[in-house]
PDB file of all heavy atoms in Angstrom:
ATOM      1  N   PHE A   1     115.123 194.298-142.113  1.00  0.00           N
ATOM      2  CA  PHE A   1     115.946 194.611-143.300  1.00  0.00           C
ATOM      3  C   PHE A   1     117.053 195.484-142.983  1.00  0.00           C
ATOM      4  O   PHE A   1     118.244 195.471-143.539  1.00  0.00           O
ATOM      5  CB  PHE A   1     115.047 195.147-144.388  1.00  0.00           C
ATOM      6  CG  PHE A   1     114.168 194.283-145.048  1.00  0.00           C
ATOM      7  CD1 PHE A   1     113.205 194.752-145.998  1.00  0.00           C
ATOM      8  CD2 PHE A   1     114.117 192.872-144.768  1.00  0.00           C
ATOM      9  CE1 PHE A   1     112.296 193.879-146.615  1.00  0.00           C
ATOM     10  CE2 PHE A   1     113.245 191.992-145.351  1.00  0.00           C
ATOM     11  CZ  PHE A   1     112.364 192.517-146.285  1.00  0.00           C
ATOM     12  N   CYS A   2     116.897 196.476-142.023  1.00  0.00           N
ATOM     13  CA  CYS A   2     117.927 197.432-141.761  1.00  0.00           C
ATOM     14  C   CYS A   2     119.207 196.725-141.153  1.00  0.00           C
ATOM     15  O   CYS A   2     120.225 196.977-141.629  1.00  0.00           O
ATOM     16  CB  CYS A   2     117.455 198.538-140.765  1.00  0.00           C
ATOM     17  SG  CYS A   2     118.716 199.602-140.186  1.00  0.00           S
ATOM     18  N   ARG A   3     118.955 195.758-140.184  1.00  0.00           N
ATOM     19  CA  ARG A   3     120.059 195.116-139.595  1.00  0.00           C
ATOM     20  C   ARG A   3     120.793 194.207-140.608  1.00  0.00           C
ATOM     21  O   ARG A   3     121.976 194.124-140.567  1.00  0.00           O
ATOM     22  CB  ARG A   3     119.542 194.298-138.370  1.00  0.00           C
ATOM     23  CG  ARG A   3     119.192 195.084-137.265  1.00  0.00           C
ATOM     24  CD  ARG A   3     118.999 194.151-136.072  1.00  0.00           C
ATOM     25  NE  ARG A   3     118.623 194.851-134.817  1.00  0.00           N
ATOM     26  CZ  ARG A   3     118.524 194.434-133.567  1.00  0.00           C
ATOM     27  NH1 ARG A   3     118.682 193.146-133.403  1.00  0.00           N
ATOM     28  NH2 ARG A   3     118.213 195.162-132.583  1.00  0.00           N
ATOM     29  N   PHE A   4     120.029 193.666-141.621  1.00  0.00           N
ATOM     30  CA  PHE A   4     120.636 192.835-142.672  1.00  0.00           C
ATOM     31  C   PHE A   4     121.468 193.726-143.452  1.00  0.00           C
ATOM     32  O   PHE A   4     122.709 193.367-143.771  1.00  0.00           O
ATOM     33  CB  PHE A   4     119.459 192.285-143.578  1.00  0.00           C
ATOM     34  CG  PHE A   4     119.941 191.196-144.598  1.00  0.00           C
ATOM     35  CD1 PHE A   4     119.157 190.106-144.835  1.00  0.00           C
ATOM     36  CD2 PHE A   4     121.131 191.472-145.284  1.00  0.00           C
ATOM     37  CE1 PHE A   4     119.678 189.287-145.779  1.00  0.00           C
ATOM     38  CE2 PHE A   4     121.562 190.506-146.226  1.00  0.00           C
ATOM     39  CZ  PHE A   4     120.751 189.424-146.531  1.00  0.00           C
ATOM     40  N   ALA A   5     121.018 194.889-143.925  1.00  0.00           N
ATOM     41  CA  ALA A   5     121.784 195.910-144.713  1.00  0.00           C
ATOM     42  C   ALA A   5     123.060 196.361-143.926  1.00  0.00           C
ATOM     43  O   ALA A   5     124.108 196.421-144.555  1.00  0.00           O
ATOM     44  CB  ALA A   5     120.965 197.068-145.176  1.00  0.00           C
ATOM     45  N   LYS A   6     122.891 196.737-142.711  1.00  0.00           N
ATOM     46  CA  LYS A   6     123.976 197.132-141.835  1.00  0.00           C
ATOM     47  C   LYS A   6     125.103 195.972-141.762  1.00  0.00           C
ATOM     48  O   LYS A   6     126.283 196.328-141.697  1.00  0.00           O
ATOM     49  CB  LYS A   6     123.601 197.587-140.494  1.00  0.00           C
ATOM     50  CG  LYS A   6     122.881 198.860-140.438  1.00  0.00           C
ATOM     51  CD  LYS A   6     122.804 199.462-139.152  1.00  0.00           C
ATOM     52  CE  LYS A   6     124.149 200.198-138.749  1.00  0.00           C
ATOM     53  NZ  LYS A   6     124.040 201.002-137.542  1.00  0.00           N
ATOM     54  N   SER A   7     124.687 194.812-141.793  1.00  0.00           N
ATOM     55  CA  SER A   7     125.673 193.687-141.654  1.00  0.00           C
ATOM     56  C   SER A   7     126.532 193.466-142.823  1.00  0.00           C
ATOM     57  O   SER A   7     127.554 192.919-142.689  1.00  0.00           O
ATOM     58  CB  SER A   7     124.904 192.342-141.436  1.00  0.00           C
ATOM     59  OG  SER A   7     124.236 191.902-142.618  1.00  0.00           O
ATOM     60  N   VAL A   8     126.097 194.039-143.886  1.00  0.00           N
ATOM     61  CA  VAL A   8     126.964 193.984-145.142  1.00  0.00           C
ATOM     62  C   VAL A   8     127.611 195.428-145.353  1.00  0.00           C
ATOM     63  O   VAL A   8     128.254 195.612-146.448  1.00  0.00           O
ATOM     64  CB  VAL A   8     126.123 193.620-146.408  1.00  0.00           C
ATOM     65  CG1 VAL A   8     125.692 192.177-146.186  1.00  0.00           C
ATOM     66  CG2 VAL A   8     125.069 194.530-146.682  1.00  0.00           C
ATOM     67  N   GLY A   9     127.520 196.326-144.341  1.00  0.00           N
ATOM     68  CA  GLY A   9     128.220 197.551-144.433  1.00  0.00           C
ATOM     69  C   GLY A   9     127.447 198.782-145.030  1.00  0.00           C
ATOM     70  O   GLY A   9     127.949 199.811-145.351  1.00  0.00           O
ATOM     71  N   ALA A  10     126.155 198.638-145.196  1.00  0.00           N
ATOM     72  CA  ALA A  10     125.376 199.614-145.819  1.00  0.00           C
ATOM     73  C   ALA A  10     125.111 200.755-144.841  1.00  0.00           C
ATOM     74  O   ALA A  10     125.012 200.529-143.620  1.00  0.00           O
ATOM     75  CB  ALA A  10     124.064 199.081-146.281  1.00  0.00           C
ATOM     76  N   THR A  11     124.878 201.986-145.259  1.00  0.00           N
ATOM     77  CA  THR A  11     124.490 203.168-144.542  1.00  0.00           C
ATOM     78  C   THR A  11     122.919 203.019-144.693  1.00  0.00           C
ATOM     79  O   THR A  11     122.337 202.862-145.622  1.00  0.00           O
ATOM     80  CB  THR A  11     124.857 204.433-145.155  1.00  0.00           C
ATOM     81  OG1 THR A  11     126.348 204.474-145.183  1.00  0.00           O
ATOM     82  CG2 THR A  11     124.331 205.621-144.311  1.00  0.00           C
ATOM     83  N   CYS A  12     122.366 203.238-143.400  1.00  0.00           N
ATOM     84  CA  CYS A  12     120.846 203.039-143.236  1.00  0.00           C
ATOM     85  C   CYS A  12     120.178 204.253-142.618  1.00  0.00           C
ATOM     86  O   CYS A  12     120.555 204.784-141.693  1.00  0.00           O
ATOM     87  CB  CYS A  12     120.562 201.835-142.347  1.00  0.00           C
ATOM     88  SG  CYS A  12     121.168 200.239-142.978  1.00  0.00           S
ATOM     89  N   LEU A  13     119.255 204.735-143.442  1.00  0.00           N
ATOM     90  CA  LEU A  13     118.421 206.019-143.074  1.00  0.00           C
ATOM     91  C   LEU A  13     116.989 205.717-143.122  1.00  0.00           C
ATOM     92  O   LEU A  13     116.491 204.981-143.860  1.00  0.00           O
ATOM     93  CB  LEU A  13     118.788 207.105-144.100  1.00  0.00           C
ATOM     94  CG  LEU A  13     120.322 207.417-144.410  1.00  0.00           C
ATOM     95  CD1 LEU A  13     120.405 208.440-145.517  1.00  0.00           C
ATOM     96  CD2 LEU A  13     121.000 207.819-143.180  1.00  0.00           C
ATOM     97  N   GLU A  14     116.318 206.396-142.210  1.00  0.00           N
ATOM     98  CA  GLU A  14     114.794 206.237-142.148  1.00  0.00           C
ATOM     99  C   GLU A  14     114.183 207.631-142.279  1.00  0.00           C
ATOM    100  O   GLU A  14     114.692 208.674-141.840  1.00  0.00           O
ATOM    101  CB  GLU A  14     114.285 205.538-140.934  1.00  0.00           C
ATOM    102  CG  GLU A  14     114.313 206.337-139.629  1.00  0.00           C
ATOM    103  CD  GLU A  14     113.550 205.616-138.444  1.00  0.00           C
ATOM    104  OE1 GLU A  14     112.902 204.559-138.829  1.00  0.00           O
ATOM    105  OE2 GLU A  14     113.488 206.126-137.401  1.00  0.00           O
ATOM    106  N   PHE A  15     113.004 207.644-143.012  1.00  0.00           N
ATOM    107  CA  PHE A  15     112.269 208.792-143.304  1.00  0.00           C
ATOM    108  C   PHE A  15     110.874 208.543-142.654  1.00  0.00           C
ATOM    109  O   PHE A  15     110.055 207.769-143.179  1.00  0.00           O
ATOM    110  CB  PHE A  15     112.205 209.153-144.740  1.00  0.00           C
ATOM    111  CG  PHE A  15     113.472 209.510-145.310  1.00  0.00           C
ATOM    112  CD1 PHE A  15     114.477 208.492-145.658  1.00  0.00           C
ATOM    113  CD2 PHE A  15     113.833 210.777-145.555  1.00  0.00           C
ATOM    114  CE1 PHE A  15     115.628 208.802-146.222  1.00  0.00           C
ATOM    115  CE2 PHE A  15     115.094 211.130-146.247  1.00  0.00           C
ATOM    116  CZ  PHE A  15     116.000 210.120-146.486  1.00  0.00           C
ATOM    117  N   ASN A  16     110.436 209.253-141.693  1.00  0.00           N
ATOM    118  CA  ASN A  16     109.202 208.975-140.975  1.00  0.00           C
ATOM    119  C   ASN A  16     108.699 210.283-140.211  1.00  0.00           C
ATOM    120  O   ASN A  16     109.432 211.249-140.128  1.00  0.00           O
ATOM    121  CB  ASN A  16     109.426 207.944-139.829  1.00  0.00           C
ATOM    122  CG  ASN A  16     108.929 206.570-140.245  1.00  0.00           C
ATOM    123  OD1 ASN A  16     107.989 206.393-140.965  1.00  0.00           O
ATOM    124  ND2 ASN A  16     109.592 205.521-139.773  1.00  0.00           N
ATOM    125  N   LEU A  17     107.367 210.245-139.972  1.00  0.00           N
ATOM    126  CA  LEU A  17     106.896 211.314-139.204  1.00  0.00           C
ATOM    127  C   LEU A  17     107.536 211.374-137.836  1.00  0.00           C
ATOM    128  O   LEU A  17     107.819 212.376-137.205  1.00  0.00           O
ATOM    129  CB  LEU A  17     105.337 211.229-138.960  1.00  0.00           C
ATOM    130  CG  LEU A  17     104.452 211.535-140.243  1.00  0.00           C
ATOM    131  CD1 LEU A  17     102.983 211.289-139.920  1.00  0.00           C
ATOM    132  CD2 LEU A  17     104.686 213.069-140.548  1.00  0.00           C
ATOM    133  N   LYS A  18     107.858 210.193-137.269  1.00  0.00           N
ATOM    134  CA  LYS A  18     108.429 210.110-135.966  1.00  0.00           C
ATOM    135  C   LYS A  18     109.292 208.781-136.019  1.00  0.00           C
ATOM    136  O   LYS A  18     109.171 207.991-136.967  1.00  0.00           O
ATOM    137  CB  LYS A  18     107.456 210.007-134.768  1.00  0.00           C
ATOM    138  CG  LYS A  18     106.426 208.776-134.861  1.00  0.00           C
ATOM    139  CD  LYS A  18     105.473 208.850-133.801  1.00  0.00           C
ATOM    140  CE  LYS A  18     104.455 207.657-133.944  1.00  0.00           C
ATOM    141  NZ  LYS A  18     103.453 207.716-132.786  1.00  0.00           N
ATOM    142  N   LYS A  19     110.063 208.639-134.988  1.00  0.00           N
ATOM    143  CA  LYS A  19     110.973 207.484-134.908  1.00  0.00           C
ATOM    144  C   LYS A  19     110.255 206.212-134.862  1.00  0.00           C
ATOM    145  O   LYS A  19     109.194 206.060-134.389  1.00  0.00           O
ATOM    146  CB  LYS A  19     111.911 207.517-133.636  1.00  0.00           C
ATOM    147  CG  LYS A  19     112.906 208.614-133.712  1.00  0.00           C
ATOM    148  CD  LYS A  19     113.828 208.595-132.446  1.00  0.00           C
ATOM    149  CE  LYS A  19     114.853 209.621-132.525  1.00  0.00           C
ATOM    150  NZ  LYS A  19     115.951 209.679-131.372  1.00  0.00           N
ATOM    151  N   SER A  20     110.724 205.213-135.781  1.00  0.00           N
ATOM    152  CA  SER A  20     110.091 203.916-135.777  1.00  0.00           C
ATOM    153  C   SER A  20     110.504 202.991-134.587  1.00  0.00           C
ATOM    154  O   SER A  20     111.326 203.476-133.740  1.00  0.00           O
ATOM    155  CB  SER A  20     110.585 203.201-137.122  1.00  0.00           C
ATOM    156  OG  SER A  20     111.908 202.760-137.018  1.00  0.00           O
ATOM    157  N   ALA A  21     109.970 201.976-134.553  1.00  0.00           N
ATOM    158  CA  ALA A  21     110.319 201.039-133.444  1.00  0.00           C
ATOM    159  C   ALA A  21     111.710 200.518-133.498  1.00  0.00           C
ATOM    160  O   ALA A  21     112.211 199.996-132.521  1.00  0.00           O
ATOM    161  CB  ALA A  21     109.264 199.816-133.377  1.00  0.00           C
ATOM    162  N   VAL A  22     112.284 200.560-134.679  1.00  0.00           N
ATOM    163  CA  VAL A  22     113.658 200.100-134.736  1.00  0.00           C
ATOM    164  C   VAL A  22     114.616 201.284-135.181  1.00  0.00           C
ATOM    165  O   VAL A  22     115.688 201.154-135.906  1.00  0.00           O
ATOM    166  CB  VAL A  22     113.806 199.010-135.958  1.00  0.00           C
ATOM    167  CG1 VAL A  22     113.152 197.686-135.401  1.00  0.00           C
ATOM    168  CG2 VAL A  22     113.099 199.379-137.199  1.00  0.00           C
ATOM    169  N   ALA A  23     114.361 202.404-134.783  1.00  0.00           N
ATOM    170  CA  ALA A  23     115.046 203.652-135.086  1.00  0.00           C
ATOM    171  C   ALA A  23     116.532 203.601-134.711  1.00  0.00           C
ATOM    172  O   ALA A  23     117.419 204.041-135.389  1.00  0.00           O
ATOM    173  CB  ALA A  23     114.358 204.881-134.466  1.00  0.00           C
ATOM    174  N   SER A  24     116.763 202.809-133.613  1.00  0.00           N
ATOM    175  CA  SER A  24     118.143 202.721-133.088  1.00  0.00           C
ATOM    176  C   SER A  24     119.113 201.855-134.007  1.00  0.00           C
ATOM    177  O   SER A  24     120.273 201.955-133.984  1.00  0.00           O
ATOM    178  CB  SER A  24     118.135 202.119-131.704  1.00  0.00           C
ATOM    179  OG  SER A  24     117.546 200.868-131.723  1.00  0.00           O
ATOM    180  N   ASP A  25     118.427 201.165-134.971  1.00  0.00           N
ATOM    181  CA  ASP A  25     119.204 200.348-135.958  1.00  0.00           C
ATOM    182  C   ASP A  25     119.716 201.145-137.022  1.00  0.00           C
ATOM    183  O   ASP A  25     120.737 200.817-137.726  1.00  0.00           O
ATOM    184  CB  ASP A  25     118.310 199.260-136.588  1.00  0.00           C
ATOM    185  CG  ASP A  25     117.972 198.102-135.493  1.00  0.00           C
ATOM    186  OD1 ASP A  25     118.602 198.069-134.467  1.00  0.00           O
ATOM    187  OD2 ASP A  25     116.989 197.396-135.806  1.00  0.00           O
ATOM    188  N   PHE A  26     119.210 202.394-137.242  1.00  0.00           N
ATOM    189  CA  PHE A  26     119.607 203.177-138.373  1.00  0.00           C
ATOM    190  C   PHE A  26     120.742 204.193-137.975  1.00  0.00           C
ATOM    191  O   PHE A  26     120.875 204.526-136.844  1.00  0.00           O
ATOM    192  CB  PHE A  26     118.360 204.030-138.809  1.00  0.00           C
ATOM    193  CG  PHE A  26     117.332 203.164-139.507  1.00  0.00           C
ATOM    194  CD1 PHE A  26     116.324 202.549-138.838  1.00  0.00           C
ATOM    195  CD2 PHE A  26     117.272 203.124-140.959  1.00  0.00           C
ATOM    196  CE1 PHE A  26     115.400 201.792-139.454  1.00  0.00           C
ATOM    197  CE2 PHE A  26     116.354 202.433-141.602  1.00  0.00           C
ATOM    198  CZ  PHE A  26     115.377 201.704-140.992  1.00  0.00           C
ATOM    199  N   ASP A  27     121.509 204.572-138.911  1.00  0.00           N
ATOM    200  CA  ASP A  27     122.567 205.569-138.852  1.00  0.00           C
ATOM    201  C   ASP A  27     121.969 206.933-138.497  1.00  0.00           C
ATOM    202  O   ASP A  27     122.686 207.700-137.775  1.00  0.00           O
ATOM    203  CB  ASP A  27     123.478 205.578-139.960  1.00  0.00           C
ATOM    204  CG  ASP A  27     124.185 204.275-140.198  1.00  0.00           C
ATOM    205  OD1 ASP A  27     124.987 203.923-139.367  1.00  0.00           O
ATOM    206  OD2 ASP A  27     123.920 203.485-141.154  1.00  0.00           O
ATOM    207  N   ALA A  28     120.850 207.253-139.098  1.00  0.00           N
ATOM    208  CA  ALA A  28     120.273 208.561-138.910  1.00  0.00           C
ATOM    209  C   ALA A  28     118.817 208.471-139.429  1.00  0.00           C
ATOM    210  O   ALA A  28     118.411 207.627-140.131  1.00  0.00           O
ATOM    211  CB  ALA A  28     120.988 209.581-139.706  1.00  0.00           C
ATOM    212  N   GLY A  29     118.072 209.425-138.992  1.00  0.00           N
ATOM    213  CA  GLY A  29     116.655 209.535-139.365  1.00  0.00           C
ATOM    214  C   GLY A  29     116.244 211.025-139.735  1.00  0.00           C
ATOM    215  O   GLY A  29     116.841 211.963-139.249  1.00  0.00           O
ATOM    216  N   PHE A  30     115.330 211.166-140.743  1.00  0.00           N
ATOM    217  CA  PHE A  30     114.762 212.444-141.145  1.00  0.00           C
ATOM    218  C   PHE A  30     113.345 212.475-140.748  1.00  0.00           C
ATOM    219  O   PHE A  30     112.601 211.619-141.413  1.00  0.00           O
ATOM    220  CB  PHE A  30     115.070 212.634-142.637  1.00  0.00           C
ATOM    221  CG  PHE A  30     116.560 212.689-142.933  1.00  0.00           C
ATOM    222  CD1 PHE A  30     117.121 211.451-143.464  1.00  0.00           C
ATOM    223  CD2 PHE A  30     117.321 213.821-142.778  1.00  0.00           C
ATOM    224  CE1 PHE A  30     118.427 211.475-143.785  1.00  0.00           C
ATOM    225  CE2 PHE A  30     118.654 213.686-143.141  1.00  0.00           C
ATOM    226  CZ  PHE A  30     119.257 212.540-143.599  1.00  0.00           C
ATOM    227  N   TYR A  31     112.862 213.270-139.915  1.00  0.00           N
ATOM    228  CA  TYR A  31     111.556 213.124-139.440  1.00  0.00           C
ATOM    229  C   TYR A  31     110.683 214.324-139.874  1.00  0.00           C
ATOM    230  O   TYR A  31     111.129 215.506-139.767  1.00  0.00           O
ATOM    231  CB  TYR A  31     111.608 212.980-137.894  1.00  0.00           C
ATOM    232  CG  TYR A  31     112.400 211.773-137.523  1.00  0.00           C
ATOM    233  CD1 TYR A  31     113.632 211.929-137.047  1.00  0.00           C
ATOM    234  CD2 TYR A  31     111.900 210.500-137.815  1.00  0.00           C
ATOM    235  CE1 TYR A  31     114.382 210.770-136.718  1.00  0.00           C
ATOM    236  CE2 TYR A  31     112.617 209.332-137.518  1.00  0.00           C
ATOM    237  CZ  TYR A  31     113.843 209.530-136.899  1.00  0.00           C
ATOM    238  OH  TYR A  31     114.546 208.326-136.708  1.00  0.00           O
ATOM    239  N   GLY A  32     109.567 214.114-140.238  1.00  0.00           N
ATOM    240  CA  GLY A  32     108.529 215.024-140.839  1.00  0.00           C
ATOM    241  C   GLY A  32     107.894 214.287-141.966  1.00  0.00           C
ATOM    242  O   GLY A  32     107.938 213.095-142.172  1.00  0.00           O
ATOM    243  N   LYS A  33     107.128 215.034-142.798  1.00  0.00           N
ATOM    244  CA  LYS A  33     106.433 214.512-143.848  1.00  0.00           C
ATOM    245  C   LYS A  33     107.355 214.051-144.925  1.00  0.00           C
ATOM    246  O   LYS A  33     108.223 214.803-145.391  1.00  0.00           O
ATOM    247  CB  LYS A  33     105.469 215.585-144.654  1.00  0.00           C
ATOM    248  CG  LYS A  33     104.347 215.871-143.636  1.00  0.00           C
ATOM    249  CD  LYS A  33     103.303 216.934-144.487  1.00  0.00           C
ATOM    250  CE  LYS A  33     102.114 217.069-143.565  1.00  0.00           C
ATOM    251  NZ  LYS A  33     101.178 218.150-144.303  1.00  0.00           N
ATOM    252  N   ALA A  34     107.302 212.786-145.315  1.00  0.00           N
ATOM    253  CA  ALA A  34     108.300 212.198-146.354  1.00  0.00           C
ATOM    254  C   ALA A  34     108.068 212.888-147.658  1.00  0.00           C
ATOM    255  O   ALA A  34     109.031 212.975-148.545  1.00  0.00           O
ATOM    256  CB  ALA A  34     107.955 210.722-146.533  1.00  0.00           C
ATOM    257  N   SER A  35     106.871 213.422-147.977  1.00  0.00           N
ATOM    258  CA  SER A  35     106.623 214.146-149.234  1.00  0.00           C
ATOM    259  C   SER A  35     107.490 215.469-149.271  1.00  0.00           C
ATOM    260  O   SER A  35     107.661 216.043-150.356  1.00  0.00           O
ATOM    261  CB  SER A  35     105.172 214.519-149.317  1.00  0.00           C
ATOM    262  OG  SER A  35     104.749 215.324-148.232  1.00  0.00           O
ATOM    263  N   GLU A  36     107.990 215.827-148.138  1.00  0.00           N
ATOM    264  CA  GLU A  36     108.902 216.972-148.099  1.00  0.00           C
ATOM    265  C   GLU A  36     110.406 216.719-147.838  1.00  0.00           C
ATOM    266  O   GLU A  36     111.274 217.210-148.574  1.00  0.00           O
ATOM    267  CB  GLU A  36     108.418 217.975-146.936  1.00  0.00           C
ATOM    268  CG  GLU A  36     107.017 218.539-147.115  1.00  0.00           C
ATOM    269  CD  GLU A  36     106.531 219.253-145.883  1.00  0.00           C
ATOM    270  OE1 GLU A  36     107.178 219.362-144.964  1.00  0.00           O
ATOM    271  OE2 GLU A  36     105.288 219.782-145.957  1.00  0.00           O
ATOM    272  N   THR A  37     110.644 215.751-147.073  1.00  0.00           N
ATOM    273  CA  THR A  37     111.970 215.376-146.684  1.00  0.00           C
ATOM    274  C   THR A  37     112.696 214.506-147.799  1.00  0.00           C
ATOM    275  O   THR A  37     113.882 214.794-148.052  1.00  0.00           O
ATOM    276  CB  THR A  37     112.080 214.717-145.349  1.00  0.00           C
ATOM    277  OG1 THR A  37     111.346 213.469-145.378  1.00  0.00           O
ATOM    278  CG2 THR A  37     111.635 215.436-144.166  1.00  0.00           C
ATOM    279  N   LEU A  38     111.949 213.603-148.338  1.00  0.00           N
ATOM    280  CA  LEU A  38     112.555 212.701-149.303  1.00  0.00           C
ATOM    281  C   LEU A  38     112.918 213.408-150.617  1.00  0.00           C
ATOM    282  O   LEU A  38     114.149 213.154-151.084  1.00  0.00           O
ATOM    283  CB  LEU A  38     111.613 211.521-149.574  1.00  0.00           C
ATOM    284  CG  LEU A  38     112.329 210.342-150.365  1.00  0.00           C
ATOM    285  CD1 LEU A  38     113.464 209.779-149.489  1.00  0.00           C
ATOM    286  CD2 LEU A  38     111.339 209.294-150.548  1.00  0.00           C
ATOM    287  N   PRO A  39     112.140 214.273-151.171  1.00  0.00           N
ATOM    288  CA  PRO A  39     112.551 214.925-152.338  1.00  0.00           C
ATOM    289  C   PRO A  39     113.818 215.806-152.207  1.00  0.00           C
ATOM    290  O   PRO A  39     114.725 215.844-153.025  1.00  0.00           O
ATOM    291  CB  PRO A  39     111.352 215.895-152.755  1.00  0.00           C
ATOM    292  CG  PRO A  39     110.191 215.095-152.125  1.00  0.00           C
ATOM    293  CD  PRO A  39     110.620 214.609-150.855  1.00  0.00           C
ATOM    294  N   LYS A  40     113.891 216.484-151.090  1.00  0.00           N
ATOM    295  CA  LYS A  40     115.173 217.297-150.771  1.00  0.00           C
ATOM    296  C   LYS A  40     116.367 216.331-150.736  1.00  0.00           C
ATOM    297  O   LYS A  40     117.405 216.658-151.179  1.00  0.00           O
ATOM    298  CB  LYS A  40     115.020 217.982-149.409  1.00  0.00           C
ATOM    299  CG  LYS A  40     113.988 219.087-149.494  1.00  0.00           C
ATOM    300  CD  LYS A  40     113.780 219.697-148.123  1.00  0.00           C
ATOM    301  CE  LYS A  40     112.779 220.802-148.090  1.00  0.00           C
ATOM    302  NZ  LYS A  40     112.649 221.466-146.823  1.00  0.00           N
TER     303      LYS A  40
END
């Protein structure tokens, strides 16, 4: 889905404890508990 979204010009961000297998597809990542990073 990330590559699909990037192909139409979307900014792509991931929120995870650690980098996902496709982390390089994203523009940036926020790592740590999503219950803390996502509300901020």
